[in-house]
Amino acid sequence: MMKGGVYCLCISVEAQTQIRVGALGELTFLRGKYVYVGSALKGLRSRITRHIKNSLGKGNVTHWHIDYLLRDKKVNVRTVYQKYTEEKEECKLAESVSQHGEPILDFGCSDCRCVSHLFKVQHFKFLSEMALHQINIQNYLNF
């Protein structure tokens, strides 16, 4: 059975870059750390694997805002935190993450009323205190 849940991608932007992000248009991403909050009602593991593959240049689908960001060569997924749940907790998690960073307005939240699901942060340490489990990315790279 495919399990759903929520996740946080810990993303590093190695150098300032400009990326066209679908309907949001051209966005500038400053060098630094970002946290993206997402969910998958079913297939959490496959969703995370898809994002990691995009980050490694091995994905071929651009569907969500995060896909545009992860395809840039200056952008890398550093680690992932996840939680299996049947509850819709994505927006609650995004609100919690927002307390630790600056929102990239309207990013990743076109299907809800959140300000953003992507935040520029100083560090990722706070995620370990949010009832999420850090995963080993290598375990997701079975391709």
Protein backbone atom coordinates (compact mmCIF):
# COMPACT_ATOMS: atom_id res chain seq x y z
CA MET A 1 0.00 0.00 0.00
CA MET A 2 1.30 3.43 -0.94
CA LYS A 3 1.54 5.76 2.05
CA GLY A 4 0.97 9.48 1.93
CA GLY A 5 2.44 12.24 4.02
CA VAL A 6 4.23 15.56 4.20
CA TYR A 7 7.85 16.46 3.59
CA CYS A 8 10.39 19.26 3.66
CA LEU A 9 13.10 19.50 1.04
CA CYS A 10 16.24 21.21 2.36
CA ILE A 11 17.56 23.03 -0.68
CA SER A 12 20.85 24.81 -1.29
CA VAL A 13 21.14 27.50 -3.97
CA GLU A 14 24.89 27.65 -4.62
CA ALA A 15 24.87 30.98 -6.49
CA GLN A 16 22.22 33.57 -7.28
CA THR A 17 20.09 32.44 -10.19
CA GLN A 18 17.04 33.60 -12.14
CA ILE A 19 14.46 31.00 -13.04
CA ARG A 20 11.19 31.22 -14.93
CA VAL A 21 8.71 29.46 -12.63
CA GLY A 22 5.56 28.74 -14.64
CA ALA A 23 2.83 31.34 -14.15
CA LEU A 24 4.87 33.09 -11.42
CA GLY A 25 7.25 34.30 -14.12
CA GLU A 26 10.93 35.13 -13.66
CA LEU A 27 12.10 34.81 -10.04
CA THR A 28 15.50 35.58 -8.54
CA PHE A 29 16.80 33.12 -5.98
CA LEU A 30 19.62 34.42 -3.81
CA ARG A 31 22.46 32.16 -2.75
CA GLY A 32 21.53 30.34 0.44
CA LYS A 33 19.32 27.75 2.08
CA TYR A 34 15.64 27.16 1.36
CA VAL A 35 12.99 24.81 2.70
CA TYR A 36 10.17 23.61 0.46
CA VAL A 37 7.08 22.08 2.09
CA GLY A 38 5.10 19.53 0.10
CA SER A 39 2.75 16.61 0.45
CA ALA A 40 1.61 13.50 -1.34
CA LEU A 41 -1.73 11.98 -0.41
CA LYS A 42 -0.46 8.67 -1.78
CA GLY A 43 3.07 7.66 -2.70
CA LEU A 44 5.18 9.92 -0.48
CA ARG A 45 8.32 7.95 -1.26
CA SER A 46 7.83 8.22 -5.03
CA ARG A 47 7.14 11.98 -4.76
CA ILE A 48 10.37 12.54 -2.85
CA THR A 49 12.29 10.33 -5.30
CA ARG A 50 10.90 12.39 -8.19
CA HIS A 51 12.16 15.62 -6.59
CA ILE A 52 15.60 14.16 -5.93
CA LYS A 53 15.86 12.96 -9.53
CA ASN A 54 14.92 16.44 -10.78
CA SER A 55 17.64 17.91 -8.57
CA LEU A 56 20.16 15.51 -10.12
CA GLY A 57 19.09 16.37 -13.68
CA LYS A 58 17.47 12.97 -14.18
CA GLY A 59 13.82 14.04 -14.10
CA ASN A 60 11.82 14.81 -17.21
CA VAL A 61 8.55 16.31 -15.95
CA THR A 62 7.96 19.95 -15.04
CA HIS A 63 4.58 20.08 -13.34
CA TRP A 64 4.92 21.99 -10.05
CA HIS A 65 6.72 25.22 -9.12
CA ILE A 66 9.37 23.21 -7.27
CA ASP A 67 10.24 21.34 -10.49
CA TYR A 68 11.45 24.57 -12.11
CA LEU A 69 13.69 25.37 -9.15
CA LEU A 70 15.16 21.88 -8.76
CA ARG A 71 16.10 21.64 -12.44
CA ASP A 72 18.53 24.58 -12.15
CA LYS A 73 22.15 23.39 -12.00
CA LYS A 74 22.91 25.80 -9.13
CA VAL A 75 20.23 24.17 -6.95
CA ASN A 76 20.63 20.98 -4.89
CA VAL A 77 18.50 19.01 -2.46
CA ARG A 78 20.70 18.60 0.63
CA THR A 79 18.42 16.52 2.80
CA VAL A 80 14.77 15.62 3.22
CA TYR A 81 12.52 15.40 6.26
CA GLN A 82 9.26 13.48 6.04
CA LYS A 83 6.28 12.29 8.02
CA TYR A 84 3.81 9.61 6.99
CA THR A 85 0.27 10.73 7.73
CA GLU A 86 -3.22 10.44 6.33
CA GLU A 87 -4.03 13.94 7.57
CA LYS A 88 -3.68 17.02 5.34
CA GLU A 89 -0.84 18.69 7.24
CA GLU A 90 1.00 20.51 4.44
CA CYS A 91 -0.34 24.00 5.21
CA LYS A 92 0.15 23.57 8.97
CA LEU A 93 3.74 22.50 8.32
CA ALA A 94 4.30 25.46 5.96
CA GLU A 95 3.02 27.79 8.68
CA SER A 96 5.50 26.29 11.15
CA VAL A 97 8.40 26.62 8.71
CA SER A 98 7.39 30.23 7.97
CA GLN A 99 8.36 31.11 11.56
CA HIS A 100 11.98 30.37 10.61
CA GLY A 101 12.34 32.03 7.22
CA GLU A 102 11.26 34.48 4.55
CA PRO A 103 8.55 33.31 2.14
CA ILE A 104 9.04 33.25 -1.61
CA LEU A 105 5.59 34.68 -2.29
CA ASP A 106 3.01 32.41 -3.97
CA PHE A 107 5.54 29.61 -4.54
CA GLY A 108 4.06 26.12 -4.35
CA CYS A 109 0.73 27.19 -2.89
CA SER A 110 -1.58 27.74 -5.85
CA ASP A 111 -4.03 25.18 -4.44
CA CYS A 112 -4.34 26.72 -0.95
CA ARG A 113 -4.42 30.05 0.85
CA CYS A 114 -0.87 29.95 2.21
CA VAL A 115 1.54 32.80 1.48
CA SER A 116 4.14 30.29 0.27
CA HIS A 117 5.45 26.75 0.61
CA LEU A 118 9.07 27.82 -0.05
CA PHE A 119 11.09 29.74 2.52
CA LYS A 120 14.62 31.16 2.59
CA VAL A 121 16.14 30.12 5.93
CA GLN A 122 19.40 30.58 7.82
CA HIS A 123 19.77 26.88 8.65
CA PHE A 124 17.90 23.57 8.60
CA LYS A 125 18.39 22.64 12.28
CA PHE A 126 14.87 23.63 13.36
CA LEU A 127 13.37 20.87 11.19
CA SER A 128 14.68 18.17 13.51
CA GLU A 129 12.40 19.62 16.21
CA MET A 130 9.21 19.37 14.11
CA ALA A 131 8.20 15.70 14.51
CA LEU A 132 9.64 14.87 11.10
CA HIS A 133 12.13 12.13 10.26
CA GLN A 134 15.31 12.86 8.35
CA ILE A 135 15.80 10.35 5.55
CA ASN A 136 18.89 9.10 3.79
CA ILE A 137 18.55 10.40 0.23
CA GLN A 138 20.72 7.55 -1.06
CA ASN A 139 17.98 5.09 -0.08
CA TYR A 140 15.66 6.84 -2.53
CA LEU A 141 18.06 6.66 -5.47
CA ASN A 142 17.36 3.16 -6.72
CA PHE A 143 17.41 4.08 -10.41
